[in-house]
N, C-alpha and C. Protein backbone atom coordinates (compact mmCIF):
# COMPACT_ATOMS: atom_id res chain seq x y z
N MET A 1 14.78 -3.88 1.67
CA MET A 1 15.87 -3.88 0.72
C MET A 1 15.31 -3.80 -0.69
N PRO A 2 16.04 -3.18 -1.60
CA PRO A 2 15.56 -3.08 -2.98
C PRO A 2 15.58 -4.45 -3.66
N TYR A 3 14.82 -4.57 -4.71
CA TYR A 3 14.70 -5.82 -5.44
C TYR A 3 15.44 -5.72 -6.78
N PRO A 4 16.53 -6.47 -6.94
CA PRO A 4 17.31 -6.40 -8.19
C PRO A 4 16.53 -6.92 -9.41
N THR A 5 15.70 -7.93 -9.21
CA THR A 5 14.94 -8.50 -10.33
C THR A 5 13.52 -8.80 -9.86
N ILE A 6 12.66 -9.05 -10.83
CA ILE A 6 11.28 -9.42 -10.52
C ILE A 6 11.24 -10.71 -9.72
N ASP A 7 12.14 -11.63 -10.02
CA ASP A 7 12.17 -12.90 -9.29
C ASP A 7 12.48 -12.73 -7.80
N ASP A 8 13.02 -11.58 -7.43
CA ASP A 8 13.35 -11.32 -6.03
C ASP A 8 12.17 -10.73 -5.25
N LEU A 9 11.11 -10.35 -5.95
CA LEU A 9 9.93 -9.80 -5.27
C LEU A 9 9.31 -10.86 -4.37
N PRO A 10 8.59 -10.43 -3.34
CA PRO A 10 7.91 -11.40 -2.48
C PRO A 10 6.94 -12.27 -3.28
N GLU A 11 6.84 -13.52 -2.91
CA GLU A 11 5.95 -14.45 -3.59
C GLU A 11 4.51 -13.94 -3.59
N SER A 12 4.11 -13.30 -2.51
CA SER A 12 2.74 -12.80 -2.41
C SER A 12 2.45 -11.74 -3.47
N VAL A 13 3.46 -11.08 -3.96
CA VAL A 13 3.30 -10.10 -5.05
C VAL A 13 3.41 -10.82 -6.39
N ARG A 14 4.44 -11.64 -6.55
CA ARG A 14 4.69 -12.33 -7.82
C ARG A 14 3.52 -13.19 -8.27
N GLU A 15 2.85 -13.83 -7.35
CA GLU A 15 1.81 -14.77 -7.75
C GLU A 15 0.47 -14.11 -8.08
N HIS A 16 0.37 -12.80 -7.87
CA HIS A 16 -0.90 -12.12 -8.12
C HIS A 16 -0.89 -11.13 -9.28
N LEU A 17 0.28 -10.64 -9.66
CA LEU A 17 0.33 -9.59 -10.66
C LEU A 17 0.88 -10.07 -12.00
N PRO A 18 0.37 -9.52 -13.11
CA PRO A 18 0.95 -9.83 -14.41
C PRO A 18 2.35 -9.19 -14.53
N HIS A 19 3.09 -9.61 -15.53
CA HIS A 19 4.49 -9.21 -15.66
C HIS A 19 4.68 -7.69 -15.65
N HIS A 20 3.92 -6.96 -16.46
CA HIS A 20 4.11 -5.51 -16.52
C HIS A 20 3.83 -4.85 -15.16
N ALA A 21 2.83 -5.34 -14.45
CA ALA A 21 2.53 -4.80 -13.12
C ALA A 21 3.69 -5.10 -12.16
N LEU A 22 4.33 -6.25 -12.32
CA LEU A 22 5.49 -6.57 -11.49
C LEU A 22 6.64 -5.61 -11.76
N GLU A 23 6.82 -5.25 -13.02
CA GLU A 23 7.86 -4.29 -13.37
C GLU A 23 7.57 -2.93 -12.72
N ILE A 24 6.32 -2.52 -12.76
CA ILE A 24 5.92 -1.25 -12.14
C ILE A 24 6.16 -1.32 -10.63
N TYR A 25 5.73 -2.41 -10.01
CA TYR A 25 5.89 -2.57 -8.56
C TYR A 25 7.37 -2.48 -8.18
N ARG A 26 8.22 -3.22 -8.88
CA ARG A 26 9.65 -3.26 -8.55
C ARG A 26 10.28 -1.88 -8.69
N ALA A 27 10.00 -1.20 -9.79
CA ALA A 27 10.58 0.12 -10.02
C ALA A 27 10.13 1.12 -8.95
N ALA A 28 8.84 1.10 -8.65
CA ALA A 28 8.30 2.03 -7.65
C ALA A 28 8.86 1.72 -6.26
N TYR A 29 8.92 0.44 -5.92
CA TYR A 29 9.45 0.04 -4.62
C TYR A 29 10.90 0.50 -4.47
N ASN A 30 11.71 0.20 -5.47
CA ASN A 30 13.13 0.54 -5.39
C ASN A 30 13.34 2.04 -5.29
N SER A 31 12.57 2.80 -6.03
CA SER A 31 12.67 4.26 -5.98
C SER A 31 12.25 4.78 -4.60
N ALA A 32 11.14 4.28 -4.09
CA ALA A 32 10.66 4.71 -2.77
C ALA A 32 11.61 4.28 -1.66
N TRP A 33 12.22 3.13 -1.83
CA TRP A 33 13.20 2.63 -0.84
C TRP A 33 14.30 3.67 -0.64
N GLU A 34 14.80 4.19 -1.74
CA GLU A 34 15.86 5.20 -1.66
C GLU A 34 15.30 6.54 -1.17
N GLN A 35 14.17 6.94 -1.71
CA GLN A 35 13.60 8.24 -1.40
C GLN A 35 13.21 8.37 0.08
N TYR A 36 12.72 7.29 0.67
CA TYR A 36 12.21 7.34 2.04
C TYR A 36 13.13 6.62 3.03
N ASP A 37 14.43 6.75 2.80
CA ASP A 37 15.44 6.26 3.75
C ASP A 37 15.24 4.81 4.17
N HIS A 38 15.04 3.95 3.18
CA HIS A 38 14.98 2.50 3.39
C HIS A 38 13.81 2.07 4.27
N ASP A 39 12.70 2.77 4.16
CA ASP A 39 11.47 2.42 4.87
C ASP A 39 10.69 1.43 4.01
N GLY A 40 10.84 0.14 4.31
CA GLY A 40 10.23 -0.92 3.50
C GLY A 40 8.72 -0.87 3.48
N GLU A 41 8.11 -0.56 4.59
CA GLU A 41 6.65 -0.51 4.65
C GLU A 41 6.12 0.61 3.75
N ARG A 42 6.76 1.75 3.82
CA ARG A 42 6.33 2.88 2.99
C ARG A 42 6.59 2.58 1.51
N ALA A 43 7.72 1.96 1.22
CA ALA A 43 8.04 1.60 -0.16
C ALA A 43 7.00 0.63 -0.72
N HIS A 44 6.57 -0.29 0.11
CA HIS A 44 5.53 -1.25 -0.29
C HIS A 44 4.23 -0.51 -0.63
N ARG A 45 3.84 0.43 0.20
CA ARG A 45 2.61 1.19 -0.06
C ARG A 45 2.72 1.99 -1.36
N VAL A 46 3.87 2.61 -1.58
CA VAL A 46 4.10 3.38 -2.80
C VAL A 46 4.03 2.46 -4.02
N ALA A 47 4.63 1.28 -3.92
CA ALA A 47 4.64 0.34 -5.03
C ALA A 47 3.23 -0.11 -5.39
N TRP A 48 2.43 -0.44 -4.38
CA TRP A 48 1.05 -0.85 -4.66
C TRP A 48 0.24 0.31 -5.26
N ALA A 49 0.48 1.51 -4.79
CA ALA A 49 -0.23 2.67 -5.35
C ALA A 49 0.13 2.84 -6.83
N ALA A 50 1.39 2.62 -7.17
CA ALA A 50 1.82 2.73 -8.57
C ALA A 50 1.14 1.67 -9.43
N VAL A 51 1.05 0.45 -8.91
CA VAL A 51 0.37 -0.62 -9.64
C VAL A 51 -1.10 -0.26 -9.83
N LYS A 52 -1.75 0.20 -8.78
CA LYS A 52 -3.18 0.52 -8.85
C LYS A 52 -3.47 1.72 -9.75
N HIS A 53 -2.46 2.51 -10.05
CA HIS A 53 -2.62 3.64 -10.97
C HIS A 53 -2.82 3.13 -12.40
N LYS A 54 -2.20 2.00 -12.74
CA LYS A 54 -2.25 1.46 -14.10
C LYS A 54 -3.09 0.19 -14.23
N PHE A 55 -3.30 -0.52 -13.12
CA PHE A 55 -4.01 -1.79 -13.14
C PHE A 55 -5.16 -1.77 -12.14
N GLU A 56 -6.14 -2.62 -12.40
CA GLU A 56 -7.23 -2.79 -11.45
C GLU A 56 -7.56 -4.27 -11.36
N LYS A 57 -8.07 -4.67 -10.22
CA LYS A 57 -8.42 -6.07 -10.01
C LYS A 57 -9.82 -6.31 -10.53
N ASN A 58 -9.94 -7.28 -11.43
CA ASN A 58 -11.24 -7.65 -11.97
C ASN A 58 -12.01 -8.37 -10.87
N GLU A 59 -13.15 -7.82 -10.50
CA GLU A 59 -13.94 -8.37 -9.40
C GLU A 59 -14.49 -9.76 -9.71
N GLN A 60 -14.73 -10.04 -10.97
CA GLN A 60 -15.29 -11.33 -11.35
C GLN A 60 -14.24 -12.44 -11.38
N THR A 61 -13.06 -12.12 -11.94
CA THR A 61 -12.03 -13.15 -12.10
C THR A 61 -10.97 -13.11 -11.00
N GLY A 62 -10.85 -11.96 -10.32
CA GLY A 62 -9.82 -11.81 -9.31
C GLY A 62 -8.44 -11.52 -9.88
N GLN A 63 -8.37 -11.35 -11.21
CA GLN A 63 -7.10 -11.09 -11.88
C GLN A 63 -6.84 -9.59 -12.00
N TRP A 64 -5.57 -9.19 -11.94
CA TRP A 64 -5.20 -7.80 -12.15
C TRP A 64 -5.09 -7.57 -13.65
N GLU A 65 -5.75 -6.52 -14.14
CA GLU A 65 -5.78 -6.20 -15.56
C GLU A 65 -5.47 -4.72 -15.76
N PRO A 66 -4.90 -4.38 -16.94
CA PRO A 66 -4.68 -2.96 -17.21
C PRO A 66 -6.00 -2.21 -17.17
N LYS A 67 -5.97 -1.00 -16.66
CA LYS A 67 -7.19 -0.18 -16.67
C LYS A 67 -7.57 0.11 -18.11
N ALA A 68 -8.84 0.27 -18.35
CA ALA A 68 -9.36 0.45 -19.71
C ALA A 68 -8.67 1.62 -20.43
N ASP A 69 -8.39 2.70 -19.73
CA ASP A 69 -7.77 3.86 -20.37
C ASP A 69 -6.26 3.68 -20.54
N GLU A 70 -5.71 2.56 -20.05
CA GLU A 70 -4.28 2.28 -20.16
C GLU A 70 -3.98 1.22 -21.22
N ALA A 71 -5.01 0.53 -21.69
CA ALA A 71 -4.79 -0.58 -22.64
C ALA A 71 -4.38 -0.10 -24.00
């Protein structure tokens, strides 16, 4: 199902991503949900790919940060 707000995202996503990455995830998920006939698993993969396009996980801190060319 699509997510009306960031607060509706799964806790496993909310607790790991910064706010802007959550916005990207939600928008990508909701778009993919519609585009791929309500396929939640596929929408999840699309959403993570969208986040990884703009953010990367810092190996030292474990935190998601904007990519250097996106800052």
